[in-house]
Amino acid sequence: MTQLTLDMPESAFAALHQAPSEFAQEMRIAAAVKWYELGRFSQERAAEIAGLTRAGFIDALSRYQVSPFQYTAEDLTDELRDAD
């Protein structure tokens, strides 16, 4: 696994009432959720990036109010039409 080093102001940890390790984990989850929301990663890959199980990642999606489904209404309509 590759390790990244970020310079962060101390105020970031204080504002969120988190230790640096907790902050880093939350950053991983937030990034993975956003990339999933943008369609850049599957749930499985995003969960891996977040350091969570797939079920844990789905819980994180709920906390961030992101749908676990990557289909739009148009995608579903097209898929249903193609199934006929």
C-alpha atoms as a PDB file:
ATOM      1  CA  MET A   1       0.000   0.000   0.000  1.00  0.00           C
ATOM      2  CA  THR A   2       1.262   3.473  -0.856  1.00  0.00           C
ATOM      3  CA  GLN A   3       1.476   6.001   1.935  1.00  0.00           C
ATOM      4  CA  LEU A   4       0.746   9.704   1.388  1.00  0.00           C
ATOM      5  CA  THR A   5       1.855  12.590   3.554  1.00  0.00           C
ATOM      6  CA  LEU A   6      -0.259  15.743   3.758  1.00  0.00           C
ATOM      7  CA  ASP A   7       0.440  19.009   5.514  1.00  0.00           C
ATOM      8  CA  MET A   8      -2.705  20.057   7.370  1.00  0.00           C
ATOM      9  CA  PRO A   9      -3.259  22.993   9.700  1.00  0.00           C
ATOM     10  CA  GLU A  10      -3.795  21.957  13.315  1.00  0.00           C
ATOM     11  CA  SER A  11      -7.073  23.880  13.254  1.00  0.00           C
ATOM     12  CA  ALA A  12      -8.556  21.271  10.884  1.00  0.00           C
ATOM     13  CA  PHE A  13      -8.304  18.590  13.577  1.00  0.00           C
ATOM     14  CA  ALA A  14      -9.636  20.859  16.281  1.00  0.00           C
ATOM     15  CA  ALA A  15     -12.583  22.002  14.170  1.00  0.00           C
ATOM     16  CA  LEU A  16     -13.693  18.403  13.653  1.00  0.00           C
ATOM     17  CA  HIS A  17     -12.722  17.282  17.166  1.00  0.00           C
ATOM     18  CA  GLN A  18     -10.668  14.450  15.690  1.00  0.00           C
ATOM     19  CA  ALA A  19      -7.172  13.118  16.143  1.00  0.00           C
ATOM     20  CA  PRO A  20      -5.013  13.130  13.003  1.00  0.00           C
ATOM     21  CA  SER A  21      -5.516   9.378  12.465  1.00  0.00           C
ATOM     22  CA  GLU A  22      -9.310   9.745  12.697  1.00  0.00           C
ATOM     23  CA  PHE A  23      -9.169  12.736  10.348  1.00  0.00           C
ATOM     24  CA  ALA A  24      -7.122  10.732   7.825  1.00  0.00           C
ATOM     25  CA  GLN A  25      -9.625   7.870   7.900  1.00  0.00           C
ATOM     26  CA  GLU A  26     -12.520  10.285   7.411  1.00  0.00           C
ATOM     27  CA  MET A  27     -10.706  11.869   4.459  1.00  0.00           C
ATOM     28  CA  ARG A  28     -10.319   8.440   2.838  1.00  0.00           C
ATOM     29  CA  ILE A  29     -14.022   7.755   3.286  1.00  0.00           C
ATOM     30  CA  ALA A  30     -15.082  11.189   2.021  1.00  0.00           C
ATOM     31  CA  ALA A  31     -12.875  10.889  -1.060  1.00  0.00           C
ATOM     32  CA  ALA A  32     -14.107   7.375  -1.824  1.00  0.00           C
ATOM     33  CA  VAL A  33     -17.748   8.431  -1.421  1.00  0.00           C
ATOM     34  CA  LYS A  34     -17.276  11.394  -3.751  1.00  0.00           C
ATOM     35  CA  TRP A  35     -15.437   9.366  -6.381  1.00  0.00           C
ATOM     36  CA  TYR A  36     -18.162   6.722  -6.207  1.00  0.00           C
ATOM     37  CA  GLU A  37     -20.820   9.426  -6.554  1.00  0.00           C
ATOM     38  CA  LEU A  38     -19.025  10.728  -9.665  1.00  0.00           C
ATOM     39  CA  GLY A  39     -18.986   7.211 -11.123  1.00  0.00           C
ATOM     40  CA  ARG A  40     -15.197   6.941 -11.066  1.00  0.00           C
ATOM     41  CA  PHE A  41     -15.173   3.819  -8.866  1.00  0.00           C
ATOM     42  CA  SER A  42     -17.413   0.843  -8.208  1.00  0.00           C
ATOM     43  CA  GLN A  43     -18.715   0.217  -4.694  1.00  0.00           C
ATOM     44  CA  GLU A  44     -16.173  -2.538  -4.264  1.00  0.00           C
ATOM     45  CA  ARG A  45     -13.195  -0.363  -5.265  1.00  0.00           C
ATOM     46  CA  ALA A  46     -14.460   2.663  -3.314  1.00  0.00           C
ATOM     47  CA  ALA A  47     -14.905   0.507  -0.195  1.00  0.00           C
ATOM     48  CA  GLU A  48     -11.309  -0.679  -0.602  1.00  0.00           C
ATOM     49  CA  ILE A  49     -10.065   2.920  -0.906  1.00  0.00           C
ATOM     50  CA  ALA A  50     -12.098   3.907   2.156  1.00  0.00           C
ATOM     51  CA  GLY A  51     -10.696   0.987   4.154  1.00  0.00           C
ATOM     52  CA  LEU A  52     -14.197  -0.375   4.754  1.00  0.00           C
ATOM     53  CA  THR A  53     -16.160  -3.494   3.999  1.00  0.00           C
ATOM     54  CA  ARG A  54     -18.741  -3.073   1.263  1.00  0.00           C
ATOM     55  CA  ALA A  55     -21.496  -2.984   3.896  1.00  0.00           C
ATOM     56  CA  GLY A  56     -19.549  -0.359   5.833  1.00  0.00           C
ATOM     57  CA  PHE A  57     -19.146   1.670   2.657  1.00  0.00           C
ATOM     58  CA  ILE A  58     -22.889   1.531   1.994  1.00  0.00           C
ATOM     59  CA  ASP A  59     -23.391   2.856   5.544  1.00  0.00           C
ATOM     60  CA  ALA A  60     -20.939   5.672   4.751  1.00  0.00           C
ATOM     61  CA  LEU A  61     -22.908   6.484   1.584  1.00  0.00           C
ATOM     62  CA  SER A  62     -25.984   6.863   3.762  1.00  0.00           C
ATOM     63  CA  ARG A  63     -24.163   9.188   6.187  1.00  0.00           C
ATOM     64  CA  TYR A  64     -23.091  11.357   3.246  1.00  0.00           C
ATOM     65  CA  GLN A  65     -26.582  11.152   1.717  1.00  0.00           C
ATOM     66  CA  VAL A  66     -25.303   9.521  -1.488  1.00  0.00           C
ATOM     67  CA  SER A  67     -27.426   6.887  -3.197  1.00  0.00           C
ATOM     68  CA  PRO A  68     -25.877   3.409  -3.330  1.00  0.00           C
ATOM     69  CA  PHE A  69     -27.328   3.072  -6.840  1.00  0.00           C
ATOM     70  CA  GLN A  70     -25.382   4.488  -9.769  1.00  0.00           C
ATOM     71  CA  TYR A  71     -28.266   4.296 -12.222  1.00  0.00           C
ATOM     72  CA  THR A  72     -30.210   7.326 -13.375  1.00  0.00           C
ATOM     73  CA  ALA A  73     -33.924   7.105 -14.188  1.00  0.00           C
ATOM     74  CA  GLU A  74     -32.952   7.248 -17.870  1.00  0.00           C
ATOM     75  CA  ASP A  75     -30.509   4.330 -17.432  1.00  0.00           C
ATOM     76  CA  LEU A  76     -33.243   2.218 -15.849  1.00  0.00           C
ATOM     77  CA  THR A  77     -35.750   3.105 -18.572  1.00  0.00           C
ATOM     78  CA  ASP A  78     -33.231   2.183 -21.266  1.00  0.00           C
ATOM     79  CA  GLU A  79     -32.390  -1.077 -19.529  1.00  0.00           C
ATOM     80  CA  LEU A  80     -36.044  -2.037 -19.144  1.00  0.00           C
ATOM     81  CA  ARG A  81     -36.743  -1.156 -22.775  1.00  0.00           C
ATOM     82  CA  ASP A  82     -33.763  -3.251 -23.929  1.00  0.00           C
ATOM     83  CA  ALA A  83     -34.959  -6.221 -21.852  1.00  0.00           C
ATOM     84  CA  ASP A  84     -38.135  -6.545 -23.957  1.00  0.00           C
END
